[in-house]
């Protein structure tokens, strides 16, 4: 006859290594097998590998919504306001690179 410690260690070992355990007298009525490693890992699952957020489309959409007045980009508002206030004071930075925006 096994000791309670040996039973617990066997149960935990089976749970860790995903093995089936023999049912005890108390567990005869309900038998659930839990398989935690059933799904694929994220490194292999194509659903996670092929997902790239549509950054270009989202950027164009937010810019267009900003032009329409339906979206507020506070960072761009701040940059435009600082450029406007610097231009008013005559401290405009000129970009020396060709074809710079």
Protein backbone atom coordinates (compact mmCIF):
# COMPACT_ATOMS: atom_id res chain seq x y z
CA UNK A 1 0.00 0.00 0.00
CA UNK A 2 1.33 3.42 -0.98
CA UNK A 3 1.65 6.27 1.44
CA UNK A 4 -0.36 9.49 0.85
CA UNK A 5 2.90 11.27 0.01
CA UNK A 6 3.75 8.72 -2.69
CA UNK A 7 0.22 8.99 -4.13
CA UNK A 8 0.45 12.78 -4.28
CA UNK A 9 3.89 12.66 -5.89
CA UNK A 10 2.69 10.16 -8.50
CA UNK A 11 -0.36 12.34 -9.23
CA UNK A 12 1.76 15.50 -9.57
CA UNK A 13 4.30 13.71 -11.76
CA UNK A 14 1.54 12.45 -14.04
CA UNK A 15 0.07 15.96 -14.20
CA UNK A 16 3.42 17.54 -15.07
CA UNK A 17 4.35 15.00 -17.74
CA UNK A 18 0.77 14.81 -19.10
CA UNK A 19 0.22 11.14 -18.31
CA UNK A 20 -3.01 9.39 -17.42
CA UNK A 21 -3.36 8.56 -13.74
CA UNK A 22 -5.17 5.61 -12.23
CA UNK A 23 -8.44 6.67 -10.68
CA UNK A 24 -8.83 6.56 -6.96
CA UNK A 25 -12.00 5.45 -5.20
CA UNK A 26 -13.23 9.04 -4.81
CA UNK A 27 -12.68 9.89 -8.49
CA UNK A 28 -14.65 6.94 -9.93
CA UNK A 29 -17.76 9.03 -10.60
CA UNK A 30 -16.09 11.93 -12.41
CA UNK A 31 -13.25 11.32 -14.84
CA UNK A 32 -11.88 14.45 -16.54
CA UNK A 33 -8.64 14.39 -18.45
CA UNK A 34 -7.09 17.83 -18.72
CA UNK A 35 -4.58 18.22 -21.53
CA UNK A 36 -2.88 21.62 -21.14
CA UNK A 37 -0.54 21.16 -24.09
CA UNK A 38 -3.28 20.36 -26.63
CA UNK A 39 -2.95 23.56 -28.66
CA UNK A 40 0.03 24.38 -30.85
CA UNK A 41 2.73 26.69 -29.49
CA UNK A 42 2.64 30.29 -30.72
CA UNK A 43 5.91 29.80 -32.62
CA UNK A 44 4.29 27.14 -34.84
CA UNK A 45 0.69 28.34 -35.13
CA UNK A 46 0.14 30.10 -38.50
CA UNK A 47 -2.57 32.27 -36.99
CA UNK A 48 0.04 34.08 -34.93
CA UNK A 49 2.88 33.95 -37.45
CA UNK A 50 0.97 35.51 -40.36
CA UNK A 51 -0.66 38.35 -38.43
CA UNK A 52 0.70 41.80 -39.11
CA UNK A 53 -1.42 44.79 -38.16
CA UNK A 54 -2.29 47.01 -41.16
CA UNK A 55 -0.14 49.96 -40.09
CA UNK A 56 -0.19 51.74 -43.44
CA UNK A 57 -3.96 51.54 -43.80
CA UNK A 58 -4.53 52.67 -40.21
CA UNK A 59 -2.16 55.62 -40.63
CA UNK A 60 -3.86 56.75 -43.83
CA UNK A 61 -7.28 56.31 -42.25
CA UNK A 62 -6.42 58.36 -39.17
CA UNK A 63 -4.88 61.11 -41.32
CA UNK A 64 -8.01 61.25 -43.48
CA UNK A 65 -10.27 61.28 -40.41
CA UNK A 66 -8.14 64.07 -38.96
CA UNK A 67 -8.62 66.13 -42.12
CA UNK A 68 -12.38 65.57 -41.86
CA UNK A 69 -12.29 66.58 -38.19
CA UNK A 70 -13.46 63.22 -36.85
CA UNK A 71 -10.16 62.23 -35.22
CA UNK A 72 -7.90 64.26 -32.97
CA UNK A 73 -4.17 63.61 -33.05
CA UNK A 74 -2.89 65.67 -30.15
CA UNK A 75 0.76 65.03 -30.96
CA UNK A 76 0.40 66.34 -34.52
CA UNK A 77 -1.64 69.28 -33.21
CA UNK A 78 1.17 70.10 -30.78
CA UNK A 79 3.85 69.83 -33.47
CA UNK A 80 1.89 72.10 -35.82
CA UNK A 81 1.27 74.63 -33.06
CA UNK A 82 4.95 74.76 -32.06
CA UNK A 83 5.98 75.17 -35.72
CA UNK A 84 3.40 77.94 -36.15
CA UNK A 85 4.53 79.77 -33.01
CA UNK A 86 8.21 79.45 -34.00
CA UNK A 87 7.41 80.76 -37.49
CA UNK A 88 5.59 83.70 -35.92
CA UNK A 89 8.69 84.55 -33.90
CA UNK A 90 10.96 84.11 -36.93
CA UNK A 91 12.70 80.99 -35.63
CA UNK A 92 11.77 78.55 -38.37
CA UNK A 93 14.08 75.58 -38.79
CA UNK A 94 15.04 75.00 -42.37
CA UNK A 95 15.83 71.46 -43.38
CA UNK A 96 18.96 71.34 -45.54
CA UNK A 97 18.26 67.91 -46.99
CA UNK A 98 16.93 67.78 -50.54
CA UNK A 99 13.36 66.51 -51.00
CA UNK A 100 12.58 66.83 -47.29
CA UNK A 101 8.97 67.33 -46.29
